[in-house]
Amino acid sequence: MSAFTPEALPSADEARAALTALRREVAKAVVGQDETVTGLVVALLCRGHVLLEGVPGVAKTLLVRTVSQALSLDHKRVQFTPDLMPGDVTGSLVYDQHTAKFEFMKGPVFTNLLLADEINRTPPKTQASLLEAMEERQVTVEGRPVALPDPFMVAATQNPVEYEGTYPLPEAQLDRFLLKVTVPLPERNAEVAMLGRHAAGFDPSDLDAAGVTAVAGAAELHAARASVAQVRIAPEVLGYIVDLCRATRYSASLQLGASPRGATALLRTSRAWAWLSGRDYVTPDDVKALAKGTLRHRIGLRPEAELEGATADGVLDGVLASVPVPR
C-alpha cells in the first residue's frame, strides 16, 4: 500500500517541473553531465537501475551524491573490492549477547540510492548478492524476505579502460540494469568552468556549501511514476520497438541480440522520456533517444566484429538507420 494519499501528492505538472529543476540543481556541483542526470531520472521513474561507465575522474561518484541530495534521498556508497563479501552489501546475522539471539544487521543496500563503485572489481559471488535486491527489491534472511526501501536504485560504476584484476559482469546481471550510460570526458568549456569553480574554493565533499538543495522528493517521484504509467503508446510504436530488438538478433556483427526483456525496458524508458518531454504519448523519436542507453549492454559483439573495430553503439546506429520508422 502506498504511503501517500492522492491529496498529499503533487500534480503531474508539479512533479515534472521539480524533476526538470533537478538538472539545474545538479549543475551547481557537476558541470556538463546533463545526459547522465537524465539517465538517472529516467531509471528512478521506471524503478530501474543504472550502470555508469567512464574513466576515473569524470565525477561519477559526485554526480550520484548530488542527485541523491537534490532529490532528498538517502544514499550509501560501497567500494567494491576483491575481498568484499556478500554480507558486506546485504547485511549479516550478528549474535546479541544481551538477548542470546542472532539479529540481522542491515547492510548498505538498505537505502534509496546505492552507489556500487567499481562493481566489476568484486568476485561474482558478491556481484550476485545484488541480483535479488535489484530484481525483487528485497533481501532474504534465513528464508524470510526483508523489503528494501522505496524508492530504491542501484547506480553502479565501472572503468572501461582498466580490466586487470576485474570480474566482468555476466549477461544475467547486465540485463538487470535498465540503462547503461557512458559518462564522457567534459568538453573544453565545461572543463574550464569546472576548474574555475575549484579555483574559487569549490569543495566536492561539501554540497551544502555549493548550494545544492532538495528540489524534489519521494512524493514527487511517486506522482511522476503514476503519470508515466498513463503515457499512451500506439500499436505502431510498439511494433517499432519490437522490430528494433529483433533486428539486433539477426545482425551479422552480434552473437547476442536484445531479449524480450530489452524490448520491455525500451518501452519503459521511452515512456519516461516522453513524459519528461511534456507529452502523454510516445513517439518513434522517444524510442530512438533511449535505444542505445537501453540496449547497448544487452547485446554482444562477435569476436571478429570487435577485431574489425565494431562497437555496440555503432551496431545500434546501423539498426536504427535500417529499421523503418512508423509514420
Protein backbone atom coordinates (compact mmCIF):
# COMPACT_ATOMS: atom_id res chain seq x y z
CA MET A 1 0.00 0.00 0.00
CA SER A 2 1.27 3.45 -0.88
CA ALA A 3 2.43 5.70 1.95
CA PHE A 4 0.94 8.67 0.09
CA THR A 5 -2.70 9.69 -0.21
CA PRO A 6 -3.86 11.24 -3.50
CA GLU A 7 -4.46 14.54 -1.70
CA ALA A 8 -0.86 14.62 -0.44
CA LEU A 9 0.68 14.06 -3.86
CA PRO A 10 1.75 16.89 -6.14
CA SER A 11 0.17 17.15 -9.57
CA ALA A 12 1.83 15.65 -12.63
CA ASP A 13 2.89 19.10 -13.82
CA GLU A 14 4.37 19.95 -10.41
CA ALA A 15 6.27 16.65 -10.34
CA ARG A 16 7.61 17.22 -13.87
CA ALA A 17 8.71 20.76 -13.01
CA ALA A 18 10.51 19.51 -9.89
CA LEU A 19 12.37 16.80 -11.78
CA THR A 20 13.23 19.21 -14.58
CA ALA A 21 14.71 21.56 -11.97
CA LEU A 22 16.97 18.70 -10.89
CA ARG A 23 19.33 19.37 -13.80
CA ARG A 24 19.87 22.96 -12.69
CA GLU A 25 20.47 21.84 -9.13
CA VAL A 26 22.99 19.15 -10.09
CA ALA A 27 24.80 21.66 -12.32
CA LYS A 28 25.76 23.59 -9.17
CA ALA A 29 28.21 20.78 -8.39
CA VAL A 30 28.73 18.88 -11.66
CA VAL A 31 29.37 20.57 -15.00
CA GLY A 32 28.25 19.21 -18.35
CA GLN A 33 26.65 15.86 -17.46
CA ASP A 34 23.01 16.54 -18.41
CA GLU A 35 22.65 13.25 -20.28
CA THR A 36 23.84 11.26 -17.29
CA VAL A 37 21.46 13.11 -14.97
CA THR A 38 18.62 12.37 -17.38
CA GLY A 39 19.54 8.68 -17.33
CA LEU A 40 19.39 8.57 -13.54
CA VAL A 41 16.00 10.33 -13.50
CA VAL A 42 14.59 8.01 -16.18
CA ALA A 43 15.74 4.99 -14.16
CA LEU A 44 14.12 6.34 -11.00
CA LEU A 45 10.85 6.91 -12.88
CA CYS A 46 10.97 3.34 -14.20
CA ARG A 47 12.06 1.74 -10.90
CA GLY A 48 15.23 0.64 -12.69
CA HIS A 49 18.98 0.67 -12.14
CA VAL A 50 21.85 2.36 -13.97
CA LEU A 51 25.34 1.24 -14.94
CA LEU A 52 27.65 4.25 -15.31
CA GLU A 53 30.74 3.63 -17.42
CA GLY A 54 33.54 6.17 -17.61
CA VAL A 55 37.21 6.66 -16.93
CA PRO A 56 38.28 7.72 -13.41
CA GLY A 57 37.87 11.40 -12.62
CA VAL A 58 34.69 12.26 -14.57
CA ALA A 59 32.65 12.86 -11.38
CA LYS A 60 30.55 9.67 -11.42
CA THR A 61 30.53 9.43 -7.62
CA LEU A 62 29.94 13.16 -7.14
CA LEU A 63 27.09 13.04 -9.62
CA VAL A 64 25.24 10.28 -7.76
CA ARG A 65 25.77 12.05 -4.42
CA THR A 66 24.46 15.31 -5.82
CA VAL A 67 21.38 13.68 -7.37
CA SER A 68 20.54 11.99 -4.07
CA GLN A 69 20.83 15.29 -2.18
CA ALA A 70 18.77 17.19 -4.76
CA LEU A 71 16.05 14.52 -4.51
CA SER A 72 16.21 14.33 -0.71
CA LEU A 73 17.00 10.61 -0.90
CA ASP A 74 19.12 8.56 1.47
CA HIS A 75 22.24 7.21 -0.22
CA LYS A 76 25.12 4.91 0.64
CA ARG A 77 28.35 4.12 -1.18
CA VAL A 78 30.09 0.75 -1.32
CA GLN A 79 33.58 0.45 -2.78
CA PHE A 80 33.63 -2.94 -4.47
CA THR A 81 36.94 -4.73 -3.92
CA PRO A 82 38.16 -8.33 -4.46
CA ASP A 83 37.76 -9.15 -0.75
CA LEU A 84 34.22 -7.77 -0.39
CA MET A 85 31.77 -10.39 0.87
CA PRO A 86 28.03 -10.63 0.10
CA GLY A 87 27.18 -9.85 3.72
CA ASP A 88 29.11 -6.59 3.43
CA VAL A 89 26.46 -5.47 0.92
CA THR A 90 23.20 -7.05 2.04
CA GLY A 91 23.82 -7.37 5.78
CA SER A 92 24.56 -10.25 8.13
CA LEU A 93 23.41 -12.02 11.28
CA VAL A 94 25.14 -10.80 14.43
CA TYR A 95 24.96 -12.53 17.81
CA ASP A 96 23.49 -10.28 20.50
CA GLN A 97 24.86 -11.26 23.92
CA HIS A 98 22.06 -9.42 25.73
CA THR A 99 19.25 -11.35 24.04
CA ALA A 100 21.25 -14.50 23.26
CA LYS A 101 19.86 -14.35 19.74
CA PHE A 102 21.15 -13.62 16.28
CA GLU A 103 19.95 -10.26 14.98
CA PHE A 104 20.02 -9.16 11.35
CA MET A 105 22.18 -6.09 10.86
CA LYS A 106 21.12 -4.37 7.66
CA GLY A 107 23.82 -3.70 5.09
CA PRO A 108 24.30 -0.62 2.92
CA VAL A 109 21.83 -1.99 0.34
CA PHE A 110 19.07 -0.74 2.63
CA THR A 111 18.97 2.77 1.23
CA ASN A 112 17.25 4.72 -1.54
CA LEU A 113 20.25 5.20 -3.81
CA LEU A 114 23.12 2.71 -3.59
CA LEU A 115 26.35 3.69 -5.31
CA ALA A 116 28.16 0.47 -6.19
CA ASP A 117 31.56 1.88 -7.04
CA GLU A 118 33.67 -0.19 -9.46
CA ILE A 119 31.25 -3.11 -9.32
CA ASN A 120 33.41 -5.18 -11.67
CA ARG A 121 36.26 -5.33 -9.13
CA THR A 122 34.45 -7.76 -6.83
CA PRO A 123 34.05 -11.53 -7.43
CA PRO A 124 30.87 -12.97 -9.00
CA LYS A 125 29.58 -14.26 -5.64
CA THR A 126 29.40 -10.72 -4.25
CA GLN A 127 28.09 -9.30 -7.54
CA ALA A 128 25.33 -11.92 -7.39
CA SER A 129 24.30 -10.74 -3.92
CA LEU A 130 22.85 -7.68 -5.62
CA LEU A 131 20.69 -9.67 -8.05
CA GLU A 132 17.82 -10.32 -5.64
CA ALA A 133 17.93 -6.75 -4.35
CA MET A 134 17.84 -5.31 -7.88
CA GLU A 135 15.13 -7.60 -9.24
CA GLU A 136 12.93 -8.39 -6.23
CA ARG A 137 13.76 -5.31 -4.12
CA GLN A 138 14.27 -7.48 -1.09
CA VAL A 139 16.94 -9.43 0.78
CA THR A 140 16.28 -12.95 2.03
CA VAL A 141 17.41 -13.59 5.61
CA GLU A 142 17.09 -17.20 6.84
CA GLY A 143 14.32 -17.80 4.31
CA ARG A 144 12.44 -14.63 5.27
CA PRO A 145 12.21 -11.73 2.79
CA VAL A 146 13.14 -8.29 4.11
CA ALA A 147 11.86 -5.48 1.89
CA LEU A 148 14.13 -2.67 0.72
CA PRO A 149 13.07 0.98 0.94
CA ASP A 150 11.09 2.60 -1.85
CA PRO A 151 12.41 4.26 -3.93
CA PHE A 152 15.44 2.04 -4.37
CA MET A 153 18.00 2.25 -7.16
CA VAL A 154 21.49 0.87 -7.75
CA ALA A 155 23.87 3.17 -9.60
CA ALA A 156 26.92 1.06 -10.37
CA THR A 157 30.15 2.35 -11.90
CA GLN A 158 32.86 0.65 -13.87
CA ASN A 159 36.06 1.71 -15.60
CA PRO A 160 36.05 0.86 -19.34
CA VAL A 161 39.84 1.01 -19.69
CA GLU A 162 41.49 -0.94 -16.87
CA TYR A 163 40.41 -4.60 -16.87
CA GLU A 164 43.29 -6.16 -14.92
CA GLY A 165 42.00 -7.72 -11.73
CA THR A 166 38.35 -7.24 -12.66
CA TYR A 167 35.43 -9.64 -12.97
CA PRO A 168 33.28 -8.70 -15.98
CA LEU A 169 29.58 -8.64 -15.16
CA PRO A 170 27.75 -11.70 -16.53
CA GLU A 171 24.95 -11.17 -19.04
CA ALA A 172 22.30 -12.04 -16.45
CA GLN A 173 23.45 -9.22 -14.20
CA LEU A 174 23.96 -6.71 -17.02
CA ASP A 175 20.37 -7.39 -18.06
CA ARG A 176 19.19 -6.23 -14.62
CA PHE A 177 20.40 -2.70 -15.37
CA LEU A 178 17.73 -0.67 -17.10
CA LEU A 179 20.29 1.70 -18.64
CA LYS A 180 23.98 1.77 -19.35
CA VAL A 181 25.11 5.39 -19.50
CA THR A 182 28.50 6.33 -20.90
CA VAL A 183 29.93 9.19 -18.85
CA PRO A 184 32.11 11.20 -21.25
CA LEU A 185 35.06 13.45 -20.64
CA PRO A 186 33.87 17.08 -20.46
CA GLU A 187 34.20 19.45 -23.39
CA ARG A 188 36.83 22.18 -23.11
CA ASN A 189 34.46 24.94 -21.99
CA ALA A 190 32.91 22.68 -19.36
CA GLU A 191 36.35 21.69 -18.08
CA VAL A 192 37.43 25.34 -17.86
CA ALA A 193 34.24 26.12 -15.91
CA MET A 194 34.94 23.20 -13.59
CA LEU A 195 38.49 24.37 -12.88
CA GLY A 196 37.16 27.88 -12.27
CA ARG A 197 34.87 26.55 -9.56
CA HIS A 198 37.72 24.70 -7.88
CA ALA A 199 39.90 27.81 -8.07
CA ALA A 200 37.11 29.72 -6.35
CA GLY A 201 37.07 27.23 -3.46
CA PHE A 202 34.54 24.58 -4.50
CA ASP A 203 34.75 21.53 -2.22
CA PRO A 204 33.20 18.34 -3.71
CA SER A 205 32.74 16.92 -0.22
CA ASP A 206 30.55 19.86 0.88
CA LEU A 207 27.47 20.00 -1.34
CA ASP A 208 25.67 22.28 1.11
CA ALA A 209 28.31 24.95 0.58
CA ALA A 210 27.82 24.58 -3.17
CA GLY A 211 24.16 25.49 -2.67
CA VAL A 212 22.68 22.10 -3.61
CA THR A 213 19.21 21.85 -2.09
CA ALA A 214 16.35 19.37 -2.39
CA VAL A 215 14.06 20.26 -5.31
CA ALA A 216 12.01 17.06 -5.20
CA GLY A 217 11.43 14.04 -3.01
CA ALA A 218 9.65 10.72 -2.69
CA ALA A 219 6.21 12.32 -3.16
CA GLU A 220 7.20 13.87 -6.49
CA LEU A 221 8.71 10.58 -7.65
CA HIS A 222 5.56 8.70 -6.66
CA ALA A 223 3.34 11.15 -8.56
CA ALA A 224 5.68 11.08 -11.56
CA ARG A 225 5.67 7.30 -11.74
CA ALA A 226 1.89 7.24 -11.68
CA SER A 227 1.81 9.73 -14.56
CA VAL A 228 4.41 7.84 -16.60
CA ALA A 229 2.27 4.70 -16.35
CA GLN A 230 -0.56 6.60 -18.09
CA VAL A 231 1.55 7.63 -21.10
CA ARG A 232 -0.04 6.20 -24.24
CA ILE A 233 1.86 4.20 -26.84
CA ALA A 234 0.37 3.37 -30.23
CA PRO A 235 0.48 -0.19 -31.66
CA GLU A 236 2.73 1.09 -34.46
CA VAL A 237 5.30 2.34 -31.94
CA LEU A 238 5.12 -0.94 -30.02
CA GLY A 239 5.84 -2.70 -33.31
CA TYR A 240 8.78 -0.34 -33.91
CA ILE A 241 10.31 -1.28 -30.55
CA VAL A 242 9.92 -4.98 -31.33
CA ASP A 243 11.39 -4.57 -34.82
CA LEU A 244 14.45 -2.77 -33.42
CA CYS A 245 15.10 -5.52 -30.88
CA ARG A 246 14.51 -8.29 -33.44
CA ALA A 247 16.92 -6.59 -35.85
CA THR A 248 19.72 -6.92 -33.28
CA ARG A 249 19.14 -10.68 -33.15
CA TYR A 250 19.87 -11.02 -36.87
CA SER A 251 22.81 -8.60 -37.06
CA ALA A 252 25.93 -10.18 -38.58
CA SER A 253 28.08 -8.27 -36.07
CA LEU A 254 26.34 -9.63 -32.98
CA GLN A 255 26.42 -13.00 -31.28
CA LEU A 256 23.78 -11.88 -28.77
CA GLY A 257 20.80 -9.67 -29.60
CA ALA A 258 18.37 -7.86 -27.33
CA SER A 259 15.96 -10.15 -25.49
CA PRO A 260 12.23 -9.53 -24.92
CA ARG A 261 13.24 -8.03 -21.57
CA GLY A 262 15.24 -5.48 -23.55
CA ALA A 263 12.11 -4.64 -25.53
CA THR A 264 10.07 -4.08 -22.37
CA ALA A 265 12.91 -1.97 -20.95
CA LEU A 266 12.90 0.21 -24.09
CA LEU A 267 9.13 0.62 -23.74
CA ARG A 268 9.54 1.80 -20.14
CA THR A 269 12.38 4.23 -20.80
CA SER A 270 10.64 5.68 -23.89
CA ARG A 271 7.53 6.32 -21.83
CA ALA A 272 9.52 8.08 -19.11
CA TRP A 273 11.34 10.25 -21.66
CA ALA A 274 8.05 11.18 -23.37
CA TRP A 275 6.61 12.24 -20.02
CA LEU A 276 9.68 14.27 -19.10
CA SER A 277 9.34 15.96 -22.51
CA GLY A 278 5.82 17.06 -21.60
CA ARG A 279 3.82 14.58 -23.67
CA ASP A 280 1.29 11.88 -22.76
CA TYR A 281 2.15 9.72 -25.77
CA VAL A 282 5.32 8.06 -27.09
CA THR A 283 6.80 8.94 -30.49
CA PRO A 284 9.39 6.99 -32.51
CA ASP A 285 11.87 9.77 -31.67
CA ASP A 286 11.45 8.93 -27.97
CA VAL A 287 12.34 5.34 -28.76
CA LYS A 288 15.38 6.42 -30.78
CA ALA A 289 16.56 8.74 -28.00
CA LEU A 290 16.68 5.90 -25.44
CA ALA A 291 17.55 2.95 -27.69
CA LYS A 292 21.32 3.00 -27.24
CA GLY A 293 21.27 3.60 -23.49
CA THR A 294 18.72 0.83 -23.01
CA LEU A 295 20.19 -1.77 -25.37
CA ARG A 296 23.98 -1.25 -25.56
CA HIS A 297 24.67 -3.56 -22.60
CA ARG A 298 22.14 -6.19 -23.72
CA ILE A 299 23.89 -7.08 -26.97
CA GLY A 300 27.14 -8.96 -27.52
CA LEU A 301 29.60 -8.38 -30.35
CA ARG A 302 31.12 -11.26 -32.29
CA PRO A 303 34.90 -11.51 -31.68
CA GLU A 304 35.65 -10.98 -35.37
CA ALA A 305 33.50 -7.84 -35.38
CA GLU A 306 35.41 -6.49 -32.38
CA LEU A 307 38.69 -7.12 -34.19
CA GLU A 308 37.36 -5.09 -37.10
CA GLY A 309 36.64 -2.17 -34.75
CA ALA A 310 32.88 -2.59 -34.36
CA THR A 311 31.22 -1.19 -31.22
CA ALA A 312 27.84 -1.80 -29.63
CA ASP A 313 26.82 1.81 -30.26
CA GLY A 314 27.94 1.59 -33.88
CA VAL A 315 25.87 -1.54 -34.45
CA LEU A 316 22.84 0.08 -32.84
CA ASP A 317 23.28 3.15 -35.04
CA GLY A 318 23.10 0.81 -38.04
CA VAL A 319 19.99 -0.90 -36.68
CA LEU A 320 18.27 2.44 -36.07
CA ALA A 321 19.10 3.50 -39.62
CA SER A 322 17.84 0.27 -41.19
CA VAL A 323 14.53 -0.33 -39.38
CA PRO A 324 11.63 1.59 -40.98
CA VAL A 325 10.16 4.30 -38.75
CA PRO A 326 6.34 4.24 -38.44
CA ARG A 327 4.55 7.33 -39.67
